[in-house]
Structure formats: C-alpha cells, structure tokens
PDB file of all heavy atoms in Angstrom:
ATOM      1  N   LEU A   1      18.525  -0.898 -25.449  1.00  0.00           N
ATOM      2  CA  LEU A   1      17.885  -0.882 -24.165  1.00  0.00           C
ATOM      3  C   LEU A   1      17.561  -2.350 -23.878  1.00  0.00           C
ATOM      4  O   LEU A   1      17.023  -3.056 -24.619  1.00  0.00           O
ATOM      5  CB  LEU A   1      16.484  -0.107 -24.157  1.00  0.00           C
ATOM      6  CG  LEU A   1      16.571   1.425 -24.369  1.00  0.00           C
ATOM      7  CD1 LEU A   1      15.256   2.072 -24.577  1.00  0.00           C
ATOM      8  CD2 LEU A   1      17.446   2.110 -23.295  1.00  0.00           C
ATOM      9  N   PHE A   2      17.889  -2.767 -22.553  1.00  0.00           N
ATOM     10  CA  PHE A   2      17.615  -4.122 -22.142  1.00  0.00           C
ATOM     11  C   PHE A   2      16.126  -4.136 -21.770  1.00  0.00           C
ATOM     12  O   PHE A   2      15.476  -3.178 -21.376  1.00  0.00           O
ATOM     13  CB  PHE A   2      18.439  -4.479 -20.967  1.00  0.00           C
ATOM     14  CG  PHE A   2      19.946  -4.680 -21.279  1.00  0.00           C
ATOM     15  CD1 PHE A   2      20.879  -3.576 -20.986  1.00  0.00           C
ATOM     16  CD2 PHE A   2      20.399  -5.679 -21.793  1.00  0.00           C
ATOM     17  CE1 PHE A   2      22.269  -3.761 -21.305  1.00  0.00           C
ATOM     18  CE2 PHE A   2      21.730  -6.001 -22.203  1.00  0.00           C
ATOM     19  CZ  PHE A   2      22.585  -4.888 -21.854  1.00  0.00           C
ATOM     20  N   GLN A   3      15.606  -5.244 -21.980  1.00  0.00           N
ATOM     21  CA  GLN A   3      14.234  -5.564 -21.679  1.00  0.00           C
ATOM     22  C   GLN A   3      13.951  -5.269 -20.126  1.00  0.00           C
ATOM     23  O   GLN A   3      14.733  -5.873 -19.325  1.00  0.00           O
ATOM     24  CB  GLN A   3      13.759  -6.890 -22.185  1.00  0.00           C
ATOM     25  CG  GLN A   3      12.253  -7.109 -21.806  1.00  0.00           C
ATOM     26  CD  GLN A   3      11.980  -8.619 -22.426  1.00  0.00           C
ATOM     27  OE1 GLN A   3      12.688  -9.215 -23.161  1.00  0.00           O
ATOM     28  NE2 GLN A   3      10.764  -8.965 -22.019  1.00  0.00           N
ATOM     29  N   VAL A   4      13.023  -4.627 -19.810  1.00  0.00           N
ATOM     30  CA  VAL A   4      12.636  -4.391 -18.424  1.00  0.00           C
ATOM     31  C   VAL A   4      11.656  -5.491 -17.970  1.00  0.00           C
ATOM     32  O   VAL A   4      10.678  -5.837 -18.705  1.00  0.00           O
ATOM     33  CB  VAL A   4      11.973  -2.998 -18.131  1.00  0.00           C
ATOM     34  CG1 VAL A   4      11.566  -2.828 -16.720  1.00  0.00           C
ATOM     35  CG2 VAL A   4      12.847  -1.905 -18.588  1.00  0.00           C
ATOM     36  N   THR A   5      11.938  -6.160 -16.827  1.00  0.00           N
ATOM     37  CA  THR A   5      11.112  -7.145 -16.387  1.00  0.00           C
ATOM     38  C   THR A   5      10.583  -6.788 -15.075  1.00  0.00           C
ATOM     39  O   THR A   5      11.433  -6.167 -14.107  1.00  0.00           O
ATOM     40  CB  THR A   5      11.834  -8.544 -16.297  1.00  0.00           C
ATOM     41  OG1 THR A   5      13.094  -8.268 -15.491  1.00  0.00           O
ATOM     42  CG2 THR A   5      12.216  -9.125 -17.671  1.00  0.00           C
ATOM     43  N   PHE A   6       9.378  -7.111 -14.758  1.00  0.00           N
ATOM     44  CA  PHE A   6       8.737  -6.830 -13.553  1.00  0.00           C
ATOM     45  C   PHE A   6       8.459  -8.174 -12.816  1.00  0.00           C
ATOM     46  O   PHE A   6       7.794  -9.051 -13.461  1.00  0.00           O
ATOM     47  CB  PHE A   6       7.497  -5.967 -13.592  1.00  0.00           C
ATOM     48  CG  PHE A   6       7.740  -4.635 -14.166  1.00  0.00           C
ATOM     49  CD1 PHE A   6       7.550  -4.378 -15.594  1.00  0.00           C
ATOM     50  CD2 PHE A   6       8.202  -3.532 -13.388  1.00  0.00           C
ATOM     51  CE1 PHE A   6       7.815  -3.178 -16.145  1.00  0.00           C
ATOM     52  CE2 PHE A   6       8.456  -2.399 -13.946  1.00  0.00           C
ATOM     53  CZ  PHE A   6       8.329  -2.112 -15.235  1.00  0.00           C
ATOM     54  N   PRO A   7       8.861  -8.315 -11.544  1.00  0.00           N
ATOM     55  CA  PRO A   7       8.508  -9.587 -10.814  1.00  0.00           C
ATOM     56  C   PRO A   7       7.041  -9.801 -10.678  1.00  0.00           C
ATOM     57  O   PRO A   7       6.401  -8.708 -10.367  1.00  0.00           O
ATOM     58  CB  PRO A   7       9.347  -9.508  -9.592  1.00  0.00           C
ATOM     59  CG  PRO A   7       9.438  -8.024  -9.313  1.00  0.00           C
ATOM     60  CD  PRO A   7       9.469  -7.416 -10.710  1.00  0.00           C
ATOM     61  N   PHE A   8       6.514 -11.024 -10.881  1.00  0.00           N
ATOM     62  CA  PHE A   8       5.181 -11.253 -10.643  1.00  0.00           C
ATOM     63  C   PHE A   8       4.957 -11.667  -9.211  1.00  0.00           C
ATOM     64  O   PHE A   8       5.610 -12.568  -8.596  1.00  0.00           O
ATOM     65  CB  PHE A   8       4.709 -12.452 -11.491  1.00  0.00           C
ATOM     66  CG  PHE A   8       3.257 -12.841 -11.246  1.00  0.00           C
ATOM     67  CD1 PHE A   8       2.207 -12.125 -11.540  1.00  0.00           C
ATOM     68  CD2 PHE A   8       2.963 -13.957 -10.512  1.00  0.00           C
ATOM     69  CE1 PHE A   8       0.889 -12.438 -11.363  1.00  0.00           C
ATOM     70  CE2 PHE A   8       1.720 -14.555 -10.300  1.00  0.00           C
ATOM     71  CZ  PHE A   8       0.682 -13.610 -10.621  1.00  0.00           C
ATOM     72  N   THR A   9       4.096 -10.947  -8.486  1.00  0.00           N
ATOM     73  CA  THR A   9       3.764 -11.238  -7.147  1.00  0.00           C
ATOM     74  C   THR A   9       2.262 -11.587  -7.032  1.00  0.00           C
ATOM     75  O   THR A   9       1.350 -10.583  -7.384  1.00  0.00           O
ATOM     76  CB  THR A   9       4.072 -10.039  -6.224  1.00  0.00           C
ATOM     77  OG1 THR A   9       5.372  -9.636  -6.456  1.00  0.00           O
ATOM     78  CG2 THR A   9       3.885 -10.484  -4.793  1.00  0.00           C
ATOM     79  N   PRO A  10       1.817 -12.750  -6.823  1.00  0.00           N
ATOM     80  CA  PRO A  10       0.396 -12.979  -6.878  1.00  0.00           C
ATOM     81  C   PRO A  10      -0.298 -12.172  -5.695  1.00  0.00           C
ATOM     82  O   PRO A  10       0.286 -12.033  -4.681  1.00  0.00           O
ATOM     83  CB  PRO A  10       0.279 -14.516  -6.636  1.00  0.00           C
ATOM     84  CG  PRO A  10       1.714 -14.942  -6.018  1.00  0.00           C
ATOM     85  CD  PRO A  10       2.667 -13.893  -6.422  1.00  0.00           C
ATOM     86  N   SER A  11      -1.530 -11.937  -6.005  1.00  0.00           N
ATOM     87  CA  SER A  11      -2.314 -11.207  -5.035  1.00  0.00           C
ATOM     88  C   SER A  11      -2.739 -12.056  -3.905  1.00  0.00           C
ATOM     89  O   SER A  11      -3.194 -13.301  -4.155  1.00  0.00           O
ATOM     90  CB  SER A  11      -3.602 -10.550  -5.728  1.00  0.00           C
ATOM     91  OG  SER A  11      -4.458  -9.888  -4.690  1.00  0.00           O
ATOM     92  N   PRO A  12      -2.629 -11.598  -2.737  1.00  0.00           N
ATOM     93  CA  PRO A  12      -3.152 -12.358  -1.506  1.00  0.00           C
ATOM     94  C   PRO A  12      -4.715 -12.470  -1.428  1.00  0.00           C
ATOM     95  O   PRO A  12      -5.164 -13.191  -0.587  1.00  0.00           O
ATOM     96  CB  PRO A  12      -2.482 -11.754  -0.317  1.00  0.00           C
ATOM     97  CG  PRO A  12      -2.300 -10.267  -0.813  1.00  0.00           C
ATOM     98  CD  PRO A  12      -2.062 -10.351  -2.164  1.00  0.00           C
ATOM     99  N   HIS A  13      -5.328 -11.581  -2.188  1.00  0.00           N
ATOM    100  CA  HIS A  13      -6.760 -11.574  -2.154  1.00  0.00           C
ATOM    101  C   HIS A  13      -7.290 -12.367  -3.342  1.00  0.00           C
ATOM    102  O   HIS A  13      -6.904 -12.355  -4.325  1.00  0.00           O
ATOM    103  CB  HIS A  13      -7.278 -10.079  -2.371  1.00  0.00           C
ATOM    104  CG  HIS A  13      -6.597  -9.169  -1.296  1.00  0.00           C
ATOM    105  ND1 HIS A  13      -6.767  -9.145  -0.040  1.00  0.00           N
ATOM    106  CD2 HIS A  13      -5.594  -8.236  -1.472  1.00  0.00           C
ATOM    107  CE1 HIS A  13      -6.176  -8.306   0.671  1.00  0.00           C
ATOM    108  NE2 HIS A  13      -5.377  -7.681  -0.248  1.00  0.00           N
ATOM    109  N   ALA A  14      -8.409 -12.968  -3.004  1.00  0.00           N
ATOM    110  CA  ALA A  14      -9.212 -13.695  -3.963  1.00  0.00           C
ATOM    111  C   ALA A  14      -9.831 -12.756  -4.970  1.00  0.00           C
ATOM    112  O   ALA A  14     -10.777 -12.016  -4.568  1.00  0.00           O
ATOM    113  CB  ALA A  14     -10.196 -14.747  -3.483  1.00  0.00           C
ATOM    114  N   LEU A  15      -9.465 -12.758  -6.244  1.00  0.00           N
ATOM    115  CA  LEU A  15      -9.874 -11.746  -7.189  1.00  0.00           C
ATOM    116  C   LEU A  15     -11.443 -11.864  -7.477  1.00  0.00           C
ATOM    117  O   LEU A  15     -12.065 -10.911  -7.786  1.00  0.00           O
ATOM    118  CB  LEU A  15      -9.148 -11.835  -8.520  1.00  0.00           C
ATOM    119  CG  LEU A  15      -7.646 -11.585  -8.410  1.00  0.00           C
ATOM    120  CD1 LEU A  15      -6.912 -11.659  -9.839  1.00  0.00           C
ATOM    121  CD2 LEU A  15      -7.458 -10.058  -7.883  1.00  0.00           C
ATOM    122  N   GLU A  16     -12.012 -13.111  -7.320  1.00  0.00           N
ATOM    123  CA  GLU A  16     -13.406 -13.214  -7.518  1.00  0.00           C
ATOM    124  C   GLU A  16     -14.241 -12.572  -6.488  1.00  0.00           C
ATOM    125  O   GLU A  16     -15.495 -12.375  -6.803  1.00  0.00           O
ATOM    126  CB  GLU A  16     -13.831 -14.751  -7.760  1.00  0.00           C
ATOM    127  CG  GLU A  16     -13.481 -15.628  -6.560  1.00  0.00           C
ATOM    128  CD  GLU A  16     -11.996 -16.146  -6.785  1.00  0.00           C
ATOM    129  OE1 GLU A  16     -11.239 -15.820  -7.678  1.00  0.00           O
ATOM    130  OE2 GLU A  16     -11.669 -16.860  -5.674  1.00  0.00           O
ATOM    131  N   LEU A  17     -13.655 -12.295  -5.379  1.00  0.00           N
ATOM    132  CA  LEU A  17     -14.464 -11.583  -4.309  1.00  0.00           C
ATOM    133  C   LEU A  17     -14.321 -10.040  -4.328  1.00  0.00           C
ATOM    134  O   LEU A  17     -15.043  -9.454  -3.539  1.00  0.00           O
ATOM    135  CB  LEU A  17     -13.843 -12.141  -3.011  1.00  0.00           C
ATOM    136  CG  LEU A  17     -14.090 -13.652  -2.754  1.00  0.00           C
ATOM    137  CD1 LEU A  17     -13.434 -13.963  -1.386  1.00  0.00           C
ATOM    138  CD2 LEU A  17     -15.468 -14.061  -2.839  1.00  0.00           C
ATOM    139  N   ILE A  18     -13.461  -9.587  -5.182  1.00  0.00           N
ATOM    140  CA  ILE A  18     -13.337  -8.070  -5.160  1.00  0.00           C
ATOM    141  C   ILE A  18     -14.590  -7.490  -5.914  1.00  0.00           C
ATOM    142  O   ILE A  18     -14.962  -7.775  -6.987  1.00  0.00           O
ATOM    143  CB  ILE A  18     -12.009  -7.699  -5.954  1.00  0.00           C
ATOM    144  CG1 ILE A  18     -10.941  -8.178  -5.154  1.00  0.00           C
ATOM    145  CG2 ILE A  18     -11.982  -6.300  -6.219  1.00  0.00           C
ATOM    146  CD1 ILE A  18      -9.471  -7.887  -5.782  1.00  0.00           C
ATOM    147  N   GLN A  19     -15.032  -6.360  -5.297  1.00  0.00           N
ATOM    148  CA  GLN A  19     -16.077  -5.567  -5.821  1.00  0.00           C
ATOM    149  C   GLN A  19     -15.619  -4.194  -6.349  1.00  0.00           C
ATOM    150  O   GLN A  19     -14.835  -3.511  -5.685  1.00  0.00           O
ATOM    151  CB  GLN A  19     -17.155  -5.229  -4.758  1.00  0.00           C
ATOM    152  CG  GLN A  19     -17.934  -6.454  -4.168  1.00  0.00           C
ATOM    153  CD  GLN A  19     -18.755  -7.183  -5.230  1.00  0.00           C
ATOM    154  OE1 GLN A  19     -19.434  -6.438  -5.955  1.00  0.00           O
ATOM    155  NE2 GLN A  19     -18.791  -8.478  -5.212  1.00  0.00           N
ATOM    156  N   VAL A  20     -16.008  -3.999  -7.679  1.00  0.00           N
ATOM    157  CA  VAL A  20     -15.490  -2.816  -8.301  1.00  0.00           C
ATOM    158  C   VAL A  20     -16.524  -1.697  -8.110  1.00  0.00           C
ATOM    159  O   VAL A  20     -17.675  -1.978  -8.421  1.00  0.00           O
ATOM    160  CB  VAL A  20     -15.306  -2.999  -9.833  1.00  0.00           C
ATOM    161  CG1 VAL A  20     -14.850  -1.644 -10.535  1.00  0.00           C
ATOM    162  CG2 VAL A  20     -14.272  -4.080 -10.050  1.00  0.00           C
ATOM    163  N   PRO A  21     -16.183  -0.626  -7.367  1.00  0.00           N
ATOM    164  CA  PRO A  21     -17.142   0.442  -7.139  1.00  0.00           C
ATOM    165  C   PRO A  21     -17.662   0.960  -8.369  1.00  0.00           C
ATOM    166  O   PRO A  21     -16.965   1.270  -9.486  1.00  0.00           O
ATOM    167  CB  PRO A  21     -16.340   1.493  -6.357  1.00  0.00           C
ATOM    168  CG  PRO A  21     -15.008   0.798  -5.906  1.00  0.00           C
ATOM    169  CD  PRO A  21     -14.856  -0.258  -6.864  1.00  0.00           C
ATOM    170  N   SER A  22     -19.000   1.452  -8.386  1.00  0.00           N
ATOM    171  CA  SER A  22     -19.657   1.959  -9.666  1.00  0.00           C
ATOM    172  C   SER A  22     -19.032   3.349 -10.027  1.00  0.00           C
ATOM    173  O   SER A  22     -19.070   3.797 -11.117  1.00  0.00           O
ATOM    174  CB  SER A  22     -21.107   2.012  -9.420  1.00  0.00           C
ATOM    175  OG  SER A  22     -21.443   2.846  -8.214  1.00  0.00           O
ATOM    176  N   SER A  23     -18.464   4.017  -8.984  1.00  0.00           N
ATOM    177  CA  SER A  23     -17.850   5.397  -9.304  1.00  0.00           C
ATOM    178  C   SER A  23     -16.711   5.262 -10.186  1.00  0.00           C
ATOM    179  O   SER A  23     -16.288   6.235 -10.753  1.00  0.00           O
ATOM    180  CB  SER A  23     -17.311   5.991  -7.907  1.00  0.00           C
ATOM    181  OG  SER A  23     -16.398   5.137  -7.230  1.00  0.00           O
ATOM    182  N   PHE A  24     -16.121   4.059 -10.466  1.00  0.00           N
ATOM    183  CA  PHE A  24     -14.975   3.898 -11.373  1.00  0.00           C
ATOM    184  C   PHE A  24     -15.503   3.904 -12.806  1.00  0.00           C
ATOM    185  O   PHE A  24     -14.733   3.988 -13.706  1.00  0.00           O
ATOM    186  CB  PHE A  24     -14.181   2.691 -11.040  1.00  0.00           C
ATOM    187  CG  PHE A  24     -13.372   2.579  -9.930  1.00  0.00           C
ATOM    188  CD1 PHE A  24     -12.726   1.407  -9.520  1.00  0.00           C
ATOM    189  CD2 PHE A  24     -13.052   3.800  -9.256  1.00  0.00           C
ATOM    190  CE1 PHE A  24     -11.905   1.369  -8.385  1.00  0.00           C
ATOM    191  CE2 PHE A  24     -12.270   3.684  -8.146  1.00  0.00           C
ATOM    192  CZ  PHE A  24     -11.631   2.546  -7.713  1.00  0.00           C
ATOM    193  N   ARG A  25     -16.764   3.730 -12.951  1.00  0.00           N
ATOM    194  CA  ARG A  25     -17.500   3.785 -14.316  1.00  0.00           C
ATOM    195  C   ARG A  25     -16.846   2.739 -15.305  1.00  0.00           C
ATOM    196  O   ARG A  25     -16.404   2.972 -16.374  1.00  0.00           O
ATOM    197  CB  ARG A  25     -17.407   5.202 -14.920  1.00  0.00           C
ATOM    198  CG  ARG A  25     -18.273   6.022 -14.179  1.00  0.00           C
ATOM    199  CD  ARG A  25     -18.439   7.434 -14.852  1.00  0.00           C
ATOM    200  NE  ARG A  25     -19.274   8.356 -14.199  1.00  0.00           N
ATOM    201  CZ  ARG A  25     -18.815   9.436 -13.776  1.00  0.00           C
ATOM    202  NH1 ARG A  25     -17.611   9.937 -13.940  1.00  0.00           N
ATOM    203  NH2 ARG A  25     -19.696  10.311 -13.029  1.00  0.00           N
ATOM    204  N   LEU A  26     -16.753   1.428 -14.785  1.00  0.00           N
ATOM    205  CA  LEU A  26     -16.238   0.357 -15.458  1.00  0.00           C
ATOM    206  C   LEU A  26     -17.292  -0.658 -15.669  1.00  0.00           C
ATOM    207  O   LEU A  26     -17.015  -1.895 -15.680  1.00  0.00           O
ATOM    208  CB  LEU A  26     -15.035  -0.261 -14.676  1.00  0.00           C
ATOM    209  CG  LEU A  26     -13.838   0.654 -14.414  1.00  0.00           C
ATOM    210  CD1 LEU A  26     -12.912  -0.018 -13.604  1.00  0.00           C
ATOM    211  CD2 LEU A  26     -13.162   1.028 -15.786  1.00  0.00           C
TER     212      LEU A  26
END
C-alpha cells in the first residue's frame, strides 16, 4: 500500500478565537 497523504489547508479562522461549546464535554 502506498502512503496516503492529505493536503494541508490552513484554517481561515483564527484558532485562538474559537469557543468550544460545553455540550461537547471537552
């Protein structure tokens, strides 16, 4: 099997501004 590679696409959103909802229990 050849190694599967996934292209990296940077997020257009600033990750430090993302709020994780408490319903995710994380």
